[in-house]
Amino acid sequence: RFPNLMGHSRPNYNSAVSTFCWAVANDQPYTVNDSSVELE
């Protein structure tokens, strides 16, 4: 029973980490609605 997985995947799909990595690396805008949200 896997938790959230963290690997190279399509951004803006089903991984917040991939989306943030892509956005920061490519100077794209991104939004963090609640910085206290914890991910496993």
All heavy atoms as atom14 arrays in JSON, in Angstrom:
{
  "sequence": "RFPNLMGHSRPNYNSAVSTFCWAVANDQPYTVNDSSVELE",
  "atom14_mask": [
    [1, 1, 1, 1, 1, 1, 1, 1, 1, 1, 1, 0, 0, 0],
    [1, 1, 1, 1, 1, 1, 1, 1, 1, 1, 1, 0, 0, 0],
    [1, 1, 1, 1, 1, 1, 1, 0, 0, 0, 0, 0, 0, 0],
    [1, 1, 1, 1, 1, 1, 1, 1, 0, 0, 0, 0, 0, 0],
    [1, 1, 1, 1, 1, 1, 1, 1, 0, 0, 0, 0, 0, 0],
    [1, 1, 1, 1, 1, 1, 1, 1, 0, 0, 0, 0, 0, 0],
    [1, 1, 1, 1, 0, 0, 0, 0, 0, 0, 0, 0, 0, 0],
    [1, 1, 1, 1, 1, 1, 1, 1, 1, 1, 0, 0, 0, 0],
    [1, 1, 1, 1, 1, 1, 0, 0, 0, 0, 0, 0, 0, 0],
    [1, 1, 1, 1, 1, 1, 1, 1, 1, 1, 1, 0, 0, 0],
    [1, 1, 1, 1, 1, 1, 1, 0, 0, 0, 0, 0, 0, 0],
    [1, 1, 1, 1, 1, 1, 1, 1, 0, 0, 0, 0, 0, 0],
    [1, 1, 1, 1, 1, 1, 1, 1, 1, 1, 1, 1, 0, 0],
    [1, 1, 1, 1, 1, 1, 1, 1, 0, 0, 0, 0, 0, 0],
    [1, 1, 1, 1, 1, 1, 0, 0, 0, 0, 0, 0, 0, 0],
    [1, 1, 1, 1, 1, 0, 0, 0, 0, 0, 0, 0, 0, 0],
    [1, 1, 1, 1, 1, 1, 1, 0, 0, 0, 0, 0, 0, 0],
    [1, 1, 1, 1, 1, 1, 0, 0, 0, 0, 0, 0, 0, 0],
    [1, 1, 1, 1, 1, 1, 1, 0, 0, 0, 0, 0, 0, 0],
    [1, 1, 1, 1, 1, 1, 1, 1, 1, 1, 1, 0, 0, 0],
    [1, 1, 1, 1, 1, 1, 0, 0, 0, 0, 0, 0, 0, 0],
    [1, 1, 1, 1, 1, 1, 1, 1, 1, 1, 1, 1, 1, 1],
    [1, 1, 1, 1, 1, 0, 0, 0, 0, 0, 0, 0, 0, 0],
    [1, 1, 1, 1, 1, 1, 1, 0, 0, 0, 0, 0, 0, 0],
    [1, 1, 1, 1, 1, 0, 0, 0, 0, 0, 0, 0, 0, 0],
    [1, 1, 1, 1, 1, 1, 1, 1, 0, 0, 0, 0, 0, 0],
    [1, 1, 1, 1, 1, 1, 1, 1, 0, 0, 0, 0, 0, 0],
    [1, 1, 1, 1, 1, 1, 1, 1, 1, 0, 0, 0, 0, 0],
    [1, 1, 1, 1, 1, 1, 1, 0, 0, 0, 0, 0, 0, 0],
    [1, 1, 1, 1, 1, 1, 1, 1, 1, 1, 1, 1, 0, 0],
    [1, 1, 1, 1, 1, 1, 1, 0, 0, 0, 0, 0, 0, 0],
    [1, 1, 1, 1, 1, 1, 1, 0, 0, 0, 0, 0, 0, 0],
    [1, 1, 1, 1, 1, 1, 1, 1, 0, 0, 0, 0, 0, 0],
    [1, 1, 1, 1, 1, 1, 1, 1, 0, 0, 0, 0, 0, 0],
    [1, 1, 1, 1, 1, 1, 0, 0, 0, 0, 0, 0, 0, 0],
    [1, 1, 1, 1, 1, 1, 0, 0, 0, 0, 0, 0, 0, 0],
    [1, 1, 1, 1, 1, 1, 1, 0, 0, 0, 0, 0, 0, 0],
    [1, 1, 1, 1, 1, 1, 1, 1, 1, 0, 0, 0, 0, 0],
    [1, 1, 1, 1, 1, 1, 1, 1, 0, 0, 0, 0, 0, 0],
    [1, 1, 1, 1, 1, 1, 1, 1, 1, 0, 0, 0, 0, 0]
  ],
  "atom14_positions": [
    [[0.86, -1.18, 0.0], [0.0, 0.0, 0.0], [0.9, 1.24, 0.0], [1.33, 1.72, 1.04], [-0.9, 0.0, 1.23], [-2.05, -1.0, 1.13], [-2.86, -1.01, 2.42], [-4.16, -1.67, 2.21], [-5.05, -1.9, 3.17], [-4.77, -1.52, 4.42], [-6.19, -2.5, 2.89], [0.0, 0.0, 0.0], [0.0, 0.0, 0.0], [0.0, 0.0, 0.0]],
    [[1.18, 1.75, -1.18], [2.11, 2.86, -1.29], [1.47, 4.18, -0.89], [0.29, 4.42, -1.18], [2.64, 2.98, -2.72], [3.52, 1.83, -3.14], [3.29, 1.17, -4.35], [4.56, 1.4, -2.35], [4.08, 0.12, -4.75], [5.38, 0.35, -2.74], [5.13, -0.29, -3.94], [0.0, 0.0, 0.0], [0.0, 0.0, 0.0], [0.0, 0.0, 0.0]],
    [[2.25, 5.07, -0.26], [1.79, 6.45, -0.05], [1.98, 7.24, -1.33], [2.14, 6.66, -2.42], [2.71, 6.94, 1.08], [3.99, 6.2, 0.82], [3.59, 4.85, 0.27], [0.0, 0.0, 0.0], [0.0, 0.0, 0.0], [0.0, 0.0, 0.0], [0.0, 0.0, 0.0], [0.0, 0.0, 0.0], [0.0, 0.0, 0.0], [0.0, 0.0, 0.0]],
    [[2.01, 8.57, -1.25], [2.33, 9.39, -2.42], [3.73, 9.05, -2.89], [4.66, 8.93, -2.08], [2.27, 10.88, -2.06], [0.87, 11.34, -1.72], [-0.06, 11.15, -2.5], [0.7, 11.93, -0.55], [0.0, 0.0, 0.0], [0.0, 0.0, 0.0], [0.0, 0.0, 0.0], [0.0, 0.0, 0.0], [0.0, 0.0, 0.0], [0.0, 0.0, 0.0]],
    [[3.88, 8.88, -4.19], [5.17, 8.54, -4.76], [5.84, 9.79, -5.32], [5.18, 10.69, -5.85], [5.01, 7.49, -5.85], [4.37, 6.18, -5.41], [4.32, 5.19, -6.56], [5.11, 5.58, -4.22], [0.0, 0.0, 0.0], [0.0, 0.0, 0.0], [0.0, 0.0, 0.0], [0.0, 0.0, 0.0], [0.0, 0.0, 0.0], [0.0, 0.0, 0.0]],
    [[7.15, 9.79, -5.24], [7.94, 10.95, -5.65], [8.96, 10.49, -6.68], [9.93, 9.8, -6.38], [8.63, 11.49, -4.39], [9.61, 12.59, -4.58], [10.26, 13.03, -2.95], [11.92, 13.49, -3.39], [0.0, 0.0, 0.0], [0.0, 0.0, 0.0], [0.0, 0.0, 0.0], [0.0, 0.0, 0.0], [0.0, 0.0, 0.0], [0.0, 0.0, 0.0]],
    [[8.7, 10.84, -7.94], [9.58, 10.47, -9.03], [9.26, 11.35, -10.22], [8.33, 12.17, -10.18], [0.0, 0.0, 0.0], [0.0, 0.0, 0.0], [0.0, 0.0, 0.0], [0.0, 0.0, 0.0], [0.0, 0.0, 0.0], [0.0, 0.0, 0.0], [0.0, 0.0, 0.0], [0.0, 0.0, 0.0], [0.0, 0.0, 0.0], [0.0, 0.0, 0.0]],
    [[10.0, 11.17, -11.32], [9.78, 12.02, -12.48], [8.48, 11.61, -13.17], [8.36, 10.51, -13.71], [10.94, 11.92, -13.47], [10.86, 12.97, -14.55], [11.51, 14.18, -14.45], [10.19, 13.0, -15.71], [11.25, 14.9, -15.53], [10.44, 14.2, -16.31], [0.0, 0.0, 0.0], [0.0, 0.0, 0.0], [0.0, 0.0, 0.0], [0.0, 0.0, 0.0]],
    [[7.52, 12.5, -13.12], [6.22, 12.25, -13.75], [5.7, 13.55, -14.34], [6.28, 14.63, -14.13], [5.22, 11.69, -12.73], [5.02, 12.62, -11.67], [0.0, 0.0, 0.0], [0.0, 0.0, 0.0], [0.0, 0.0, 0.0], [0.0, 0.0, 0.0], [0.0, 0.0, 0.0], [0.0, 0.0, 0.0], [0.0, 0.0, 0.0], [0.0, 0.0, 0.0]],
    [[4.61, 13.45, -15.06], [4.05, 14.62, -15.72], [3.6, 15.67, -14.71], [2.86, 15.33, -13.77], [2.87, 14.17, -16.58], [2.1, 15.29, -17.27], [1.32, 14.74, -18.46], [0.63, 13.51, -18.2], [-0.7, 13.38, -18.17], [-1.47, 14.43, -18.37], [-1.25, 12.2, -17.96], [0.0, 0.0, 0.0], [0.0, 0.0, 0.0], [0.0, 0.0, 0.0]],
    [[4.04, 16.92, -14.85], [3.58, 17.96, -13.92], [2.12, 18.31, -14.16], [1.55, 18.0, -15.21], [4.5, 19.14, -14.23], [4.93, 18.92, -15.65], [5.0, 17.43, -15.83], [0.0, 0.0, 0.0], [0.0, 0.0, 0.0], [0.0, 0.0, 0.0], [0.0, 0.0, 0.0], [0.0, 0.0, 0.0], [0.0, 0.0, 0.0], [0.0, 0.0, 0.0]],
    [[1.53, 18.94, -13.17], [0.13, 19.36, -13.25], [-0.8, 18.18, -13.51], [-1.8, 18.3, -14.23], [-0.07, 20.43, -14.32], [0.73, 21.69, -14.03], [0.66, 22.24, -12.93], [1.51, 22.14, -15.01], [0.0, 0.0, 0.0], [0.0, 0.0, 0.0], [0.0, 0.0, 0.0], [0.0, 0.0, 0.0], [0.0, 0.0, 0.0], [0.0, 0.0, 0.0]],
    [[-0.45, 17.01, -12.93], [-1.28, 15.83, -13.12], [-1.7, 15.29, -11.76], [-2.72, 15.68, -11.23], [-0.52, 14.79, -13.95], [-1.31, 13.54, -14.26], [-2.53, 13.62, -14.91], [-0.83, 12.28, -13.92], [-3.27, 12.48, -15.2], [-1.55, 11.13, -14.21], [-2.77, 11.24, -14.86], [-3.48, 10.11, -15.13], [0.0, 0.0, 0.0], [0.0, 0.0, 0.0]],
    [[-0.91, 14.42, -11.16], [-1.32, 13.89, -9.86], [-0.21, 13.91, -8.82], [-0.29, 13.21, -7.82], [-1.87, 12.46, -10.01], [-0.8, 11.47, -10.42], [0.27, 11.86, -10.87], [-1.09, 10.19, -10.26], [0.0, 0.0, 0.0], [0.0, 0.0, 0.0], [0.0, 0.0, 0.0], [0.0, 0.0, 0.0], [0.0, 0.0, 0.0], [0.0, 0.0, 0.0]],
    [[0.83, 14.71, -9.05], [1.92, 14.8, -8.08], [2.26, 16.26, -7.82], [2.75, 16.97, -8.71], [3.17, 14.07, -8.59], [4.29, 14.36, -7.77], [0.0, 0.0, 0.0], [0.0, 0.0, 0.0], [0.0, 0.0, 0.0], [0.0, 0.0, 0.0], [0.0, 0.0, 0.0], [0.0, 0.0, 0.0], [0.0, 0.0, 0.0], [0.0, 0.0, 0.0]],
    [[2.01, 16.71, -6.6], [2.35, 18.09, -6.24], [3.86, 18.3, -6.29], [4.33, 19.36, -6.72], [1.83, 18.41, -4.83], [0.0, 0.0, 0.0], [0.0, 0.0, 0.0], [0.0, 0.0, 0.0], [0.0, 0.0, 0.0], [0.0, 0.0, 0.0], [0.0, 0.0, 0.0], [0.0, 0.0, 0.0], [0.0, 0.0, 0.0], [0.0, 0.0, 0.0]],
    [[4.63, 17.3, -5.9], [6.09, 17.45, -5.89], [6.61, 17.63, -7.31], [7.44, 18.51, -7.58], [6.76, 16.24, -5.21], [8.28, 16.36, -5.27], [6.31, 16.12, -3.76], [0.0, 0.0, 0.0], [0.0, 0.0, 0.0], [0.0, 0.0, 0.0], [0.0, 0.0, 0.0], [0.0, 0.0, 0.0], [0.0, 0.0, 0.0], [0.0, 0.0, 0.0]],
    [[6.13, 16.8, -8.24], [6.55, 16.95, -9.63], [6.16, 18.32, -10.18], [6.94, 18.95, -10.91], [5.93, 15.84, -10.49], [6.48, 14.58, -10.17], [0.0, 0.0, 0.0], [0.0, 0.0, 0.0], [0.0, 0.0, 0.0], [0.0, 0.0, 0.0], [0.0, 0.0, 0.0], [0.0, 0.0, 0.0], [0.0, 0.0, 0.0], [0.0, 0.0, 0.0]],
    [[4.98, 18.76, -9.84], [4.52, 20.06, -10.33], [5.4, 21.19, -9.81], [5.82, 22.08, -10.57], [3.06, 20.3, -9.9], [2.23, 19.28, -10.48], [2.57, 21.66, -10.35], [0.0, 0.0, 0.0], [0.0, 0.0, 0.0], [0.0, 0.0, 0.0], [0.0, 0.0, 0.0], [0.0, 0.0, 0.0], [0.0, 0.0, 0.0], [0.0, 0.0, 0.0]],
    [[5.71, 21.17, -8.53], [6.57, 22.21, -7.96], [7.98, 22.15, -8.53], [8.59, 23.19, -8.83], [6.61, 22.1, -6.43], [5.33, 22.5, -5.75], [4.85, 21.79, -4.67], [4.61, 23.6, -6.18], [3.67, 22.16, -4.04], [3.43, 23.98, -5.56], [2.96, 23.25, -4.48], [0.0, 0.0, 0.0], [0.0, 0.0, 0.0], [0.0, 0.0, 0.0]],
    [[8.52, 20.94, -8.68], [9.86, 20.8, -9.26], [9.9, 21.41, -10.66], [10.81, 22.18, -11.0], [10.27, 19.33, -9.33], [10.77, 18.59, -7.77], [0.0, 0.0, 0.0], [0.0, 0.0, 0.0], [0.0, 0.0, 0.0], [0.0, 0.0, 0.0], [0.0, 0.0, 0.0], [0.0, 0.0, 0.0], [0.0, 0.0, 0.0], [0.0, 0.0, 0.0]],
    [[8.93, 21.07, -11.47], [8.86, 21.57, -12.84], [8.7, 23.09, -12.86], [9.38, 23.79, -13.62], [7.7, 20.91, -13.57], [7.36, 21.55, -14.87], [7.99, 21.38, -16.08], [6.31, 22.52, -15.11], [7.4, 22.16, -17.04], [6.38, 22.87, -16.48], [5.34, 23.09, -14.3], [5.49, 23.79, -17.04], [4.47, 24.01, -14.85], [4.54, 24.34, -16.21]],
    [[7.81, 23.6, -12.02], [7.54, 25.03, -12.01], [8.78, 25.83, -11.6], [9.15, 26.82, -12.25], [6.38, 25.34, -11.08], [0.0, 0.0, 0.0], [0.0, 0.0, 0.0], [0.0, 0.0, 0.0], [0.0, 0.0, 0.0], [0.0, 0.0, 0.0], [0.0, 0.0, 0.0], [0.0, 0.0, 0.0], [0.0, 0.0, 0.0], [0.0, 0.0, 0.0]],
    [[9.44, 25.41, -10.53], [10.63, 26.14, -10.06], [11.76, 26.04, -11.07], [12.43, 27.03, -11.39], [11.07, 25.61, -8.68], [12.4, 26.24, -8.27], [10.01, 25.91, -7.63], [0.0, 0.0, 0.0], [0.0, 0.0, 0.0], [0.0, 0.0, 0.0], [0.0, 0.0, 0.0], [0.0, 0.0, 0.0], [0.0, 0.0, 0.0], [0.0, 0.0, 0.0]],
    [[11.97, 24.85, -11.61], [13.07, 24.65, -12.57], [12.87, 25.43, -13.86], [13.84, 25.85, -14.5], [13.22, 23.17, -12.89], [0.0, 0.0, 0.0], [0.0, 0.0, 0.0], [0.0, 0.0, 0.0], [0.0, 0.0, 0.0], [0.0, 0.0, 0.0], [0.0, 0.0, 0.0], [0.0, 0.0, 0.0], [0.0, 0.0, 0.0], [0.0, 0.0, 0.0]],
    [[11.61, 25.67, -14.22], [11.32, 26.31, -15.51], [10.72, 27.71, -15.36], [10.14, 28.24, -16.32], [10.36, 25.42, -16.31], [11.02, 24.14, -16.76], [11.66, 24.1, -17.81], [10.87, 23.08, -15.98], [0.0, 0.0, 0.0], [0.0, 0.0, 0.0], [0.0, 0.0, 0.0], [0.0, 0.0, 0.0], [0.0, 0.0, 0.0], [0.0, 0.0, 0.0]],
    [[10.86, 28.3, -14.17], [10.39, 29.68, -13.92], [8.91, 29.85, -14.24], [8.49, 30.86, -14.8], [11.22, 30.68, -14.73], [12.69, 30.67, -14.36], [13.0, 30.66, -13.16], [13.54, 30.63, -15.28], [0.0, 0.0, 0.0], [0.0, 0.0, 0.0], [0.0, 0.0, 0.0], [0.0, 0.0, 0.0], [0.0, 0.0, 0.0], [0.0, 0.0, 0.0]],
    [[8.13, 28.84, -13.87], [6.69, 28.9, -14.08], [5.99, 29.26, -12.78], [6.47, 28.95, -11.68], [6.18, 27.54, -14.58], [6.73, 27.13, -15.93], [6.31, 28.09, -17.03], [5.14, 28.45, -17.15], [7.29, 28.51, -17.83], [0.0, 0.0, 0.0], [0.0, 0.0, 0.0], [0.0, 0.0, 0.0], [0.0, 0.0, 0.0], [0.0, 0.0, 0.0]],
    [[4.84, 29.93, -12.86], [4.12, 30.31, -11.63], [3.55, 29.07, -10.94], [3.21, 28.08, -11.57], [3.01, 31.22, -12.15], [2.8, 30.81, -13.57], [4.15, 30.4, -14.09], [0.0, 0.0, 0.0], [0.0, 0.0, 0.0], [0.0, 0.0, 0.0], [0.0, 0.0, 0.0], [0.0, 0.0, 0.0], [0.0, 0.0, 0.0], [0.0, 0.0, 0.0]],
    [[3.46, 29.15, -9.63], [2.84, 28.07, -8.86], [2.21, 28.68, -7.61], [2.55, 29.79, -7.2], [3.86, 27.0, -8.48], [5.03, 27.49, -7.64], [4.97, 27.51, -6.26], [6.19, 27.96, -8.26], [6.03, 27.98, -5.5], [7.26, 28.42, -7.51], [7.17, 28.42, -6.13], [8.22, 28.88, -5.38], [0.0, 0.0, 0.0], [0.0, 0.0, 0.0]],
    [[1.29, 27.95, -7.02], [0.56, 28.44, -5.85], [0.62, 27.39, -4.75], [0.42, 26.2, -5.0], [-0.92, 28.72, -6.19], [-0.98, 29.69, -7.24], [-1.67, 29.23, -4.97], [0.0, 0.0, 0.0], [0.0, 0.0, 0.0], [0.0, 0.0, 0.0], [0.0, 0.0, 0.0], [0.0, 0.0, 0.0], [0.0, 0.0, 0.0], [0.0, 0.0, 0.0]],
    [[0.91, 27.83, -3.54], [0.85, 26.98, -2.36], [-0.29, 27.51, -1.5], [-0.16, 28.55, -0.87], [2.18, 26.99, -1.58], [2.09, 26.08, -0.37], [3.33, 26.57, -2.48], [0.0, 0.0, 0.0], [0.0, 0.0, 0.0], [0.0, 0.0, 0.0], [0.0, 0.0, 0.0], [0.0, 0.0, 0.0], [0.0, 0.0, 0.0], [0.0, 0.0, 0.0]],
    [[-1.39, 26.79, -1.48], [-2.56, 27.26, -0.73], [-2.37, 27.17, 0.77], [-2.83, 28.04, 1.52], [-3.81, 26.47, -1.15], [-4.2, 26.75, -2.59], [-4.12, 27.89, -3.06], [-4.62, 25.72, -3.31], [0.0, 0.0, 0.0], [0.0, 0.0, 0.0], [0.0, 0.0, 0.0], [0.0, 0.0, 0.0], [0.0, 0.0, 0.0], [0.0, 0.0, 0.0]],
    [[-1.7, 26.13, 1.21], [-1.47, 25.94, 2.65], [-0.11, 25.29, 2.84], [0.04, 24.09, 2.62], [-2.58, 25.08, 3.25], [-2.47, 24.94, 4.77], [-1.43, 25.38, 5.33], [-3.4, 24.4, 5.39], [0.0, 0.0, 0.0], [0.0, 0.0, 0.0], [0.0, 0.0, 0.0], [0.0, 0.0, 0.0], [0.0, 0.0, 0.0], [0.0, 0.0, 0.0]],
    [[0.87, 26.08, 3.24], [2.24, 25.57, 3.35], [2.4, 24.56, 4.49], [3.42, 23.85, 4.55], [3.22, 26.73, 3.55], [2.93, 27.42, 4.76], [0.0, 0.0, 0.0], [0.0, 0.0, 0.0], [0.0, 0.0, 0.0], [0.0, 0.0, 0.0], [0.0, 0.0, 0.0], [0.0, 0.0, 0.0], [0.0, 0.0, 0.0], [0.0, 0.0, 0.0]],
    [[1.42, 24.47, 5.38], [1.52, 23.54, 6.51], [1.02, 22.14, 6.18], [1.19, 21.21, 6.99], [0.74, 24.08, 7.71], [-0.66, 24.06, 7.46], [0.0, 0.0, 0.0], [0.0, 0.0, 0.0], [0.0, 0.0, 0.0], [0.0, 0.0, 0.0], [0.0, 0.0, 0.0], [0.0, 0.0, 0.0], [0.0, 0.0, 0.0], [0.0, 0.0, 0.0]],
    [[0.44, 21.95, 5.01], [-0.06, 20.63, 4.62], [1.1, 19.65, 4.55], [2.12, 19.91, 3.91], [-0.79, 20.69, 3.27], [-1.09, 19.28, 2.74], [-2.08, 21.47, 3.41], [0.0, 0.0, 0.0], [0.0, 0.0, 0.0], [0.0, 0.0, 0.0], [0.0, 0.0, 0.0], [0.0, 0.0, 0.0], [0.0, 0.0, 0.0], [0.0, 0.0, 0.0]],
    [[0.95, 18.51, 5.22], [2.02, 17.51, 5.26], [1.74, 16.38, 4.28], [0.62, 15.91, 4.17], [2.15, 16.94, 6.68], [3.34, 16.0, 6.85], [3.51, 15.51, 8.27], [2.7, 14.66, 8.7], [4.45, 15.97, 8.94], [0.0, 0.0, 0.0], [0.0, 0.0, 0.0], [0.0, 0.0, 0.0], [0.0, 0.0, 0.0], [0.0, 0.0, 0.0]],
    [[2.79, 15.97, 3.58], [2.7, 14.85, 2.64], [3.56, 13.7, 3.14], [4.61, 13.91, 3.76], [3.2, 15.27, 1.25], [2.47, 16.4, 0.54], [3.12, 16.65, -0.82], [0.99, 16.09, 0.37], [0.0, 0.0, 0.0], [0.0, 0.0, 0.0], [0.0, 0.0, 0.0], [0.0, 0.0, 0.0], [0.0, 0.0, 0.0], [0.0, 0.0, 0.0]],
    [[3.1, 12.49, 2.87], [3.91, 11.29, 3.11], [4.41, 10.83, 1.75], [3.61, 10.51, 0.86], [3.08, 10.2, 3.78], [2.61, 10.57, 5.17], [1.82, 9.46, 5.81], [1.47, 8.49, 5.1], [1.54, 9.56, 7.02], [0.0, 0.0, 0.0], [0.0, 0.0, 0.0], [0.0, 0.0, 0.0], [0.0, 0.0, 0.0], [0.0, 0.0, 0.0]]
  ]
}
